[in-house]
Amino acid sequence: MVKGDIEHLRTLHPNIRFDGSKIFDPFDMSDPSSNYILSVLRGNCSIPPNFSEEKWEKILVFLRKNWISEYFFWRLQDLPKCFQPPQQIVAKLRKGFLATTARMLQLDLQLKEITEAFDNEGVEILVLKGPALAMMVYPHPAARVGSDIDLLILPEMMQSGRKILQKLNYTCLQPRYDQVRPFYKDEVFIKIKKGFKMVELHWALHCFSVLTKRVNIEDLFSRAIKVEANQYSFKALAPVDALIHRALNNAFMHFMDMRLIWVIDIEFLVKNLKTSDDWELLRDRSINSYACLAIELGIRMANVFLALKLPEAFQNYSNWPSPCKKEQKVWNRIAYKKRSMLDLFYLYHWNLRDISTIPMSIFYSLFPPKAYMKHFYRVSGNQSLYFSYIRRWLNWIPFFSKSND
């Protein structure tokens, strides 16, 4: 890593924090742990540090927090043993990879059941993020782990989609499309069955209206690609659209709990742009989506941490389009200042025509239904419910306290 490149990243988005950075910080060039981890992710041969077993265990924790244990193991397989960690550490990584491979079979069955149910009802959906990327661009599905299943549906089909999932015995934790649609992007569904992942049914890609209004959902469906899975297929975002979606999510939603797997997503999606036309599309759609700065951030991170190389014609960032004044204003609300409730209000409610739903949106944010709290905060009784609301509010404090000040 070049110090100047890291400083540029810090300038572009000073508030980025990696999950697990208290263990190791990928931005710290002097840390031998970070340097070794990144060398493996790049596919380079590097002598592993002479760490104690306790230190190696901390590295395993860092890998899990960043969702890259499986991908790290996949990369290790290509390296001679002299460049691998101690064999007991490799054995733990292998065990985790095999367990994830087994879980991917369960995910396959769950996703197959869902996609076939929607197909049978004639309701079109797109599979987003982890499950889609695992089968689209990763060398092995188990190399890309995720926490849930994200689906995109046309907004006018949202009620039909909810009914389809409910027929499959999924419970909607917070039905909010009908009442507070402008301020959310999805509804969350769970199925009480071992091994089944949570499902998020999206009617929008972003919860901030300032970004949502830049996306035409119908266009995303018209450009969608078909992905072949194990004995079934599904549709997913086209590579350019998936890259913009990932970059915006990283910059606006996950900058305080960034994970290296999301940077690796960027790397694989960029490598999936095969022609100069793909790159021209990326530039044009970045302008329209207010994503110029998010794309620059994502690509620079992939370059700094993973040594991603761009086509020669696109290596000079000064040739990339500059963000418009509106995008720069939106970016400043997230990246360059101590954030306030006013910033959130701007991002959520910019250009909102119907302000009558604002009070209900605030109430839903402060007091989600008990089913929602029970799932995410382990609520067991009324007293516990009250404390869980306090925990929820306390979780917001870092968002308003982290800044470049």
Foldseek 3Di string as FASTA:
>chain_A
DDLVLLVVLCVLFVQFDAALVVLPGCSDPVDLLNVLQLCLLLLHQDQRDPDDPVNLVSSVVQCVLQQQLLVSLVSCVVYPPRRDDPPVSNVVSVVVLVVLVVLVVVVVVVVVVLVVLCVVVVFAKAWADLQVLLQVFDPHSSSGDDQATEIEGALVCVVVSVVSVVVVVWDWQFPPCVQQVLQDFWIWTDHPDPSHHIYTYGNFLDRFNLQRVLDDVVVQVVQWDWGDDDVDIHTHGDLLVNLLSLLCCCLAPCSNHHHVSSLVSNLRSQVVQDDVVSVVVNLVSCQSRLRLSSNVSSVSVCCVRNVRDHPPVPPDSVPGDDHDPSSVVLSCCQGAFQHDVVNVCCRSCPPNDDCPSVVVVVVCLQQPDPSVLCVPVVDDDPVSSVVSSVVSVVVCVVSRVRHPD
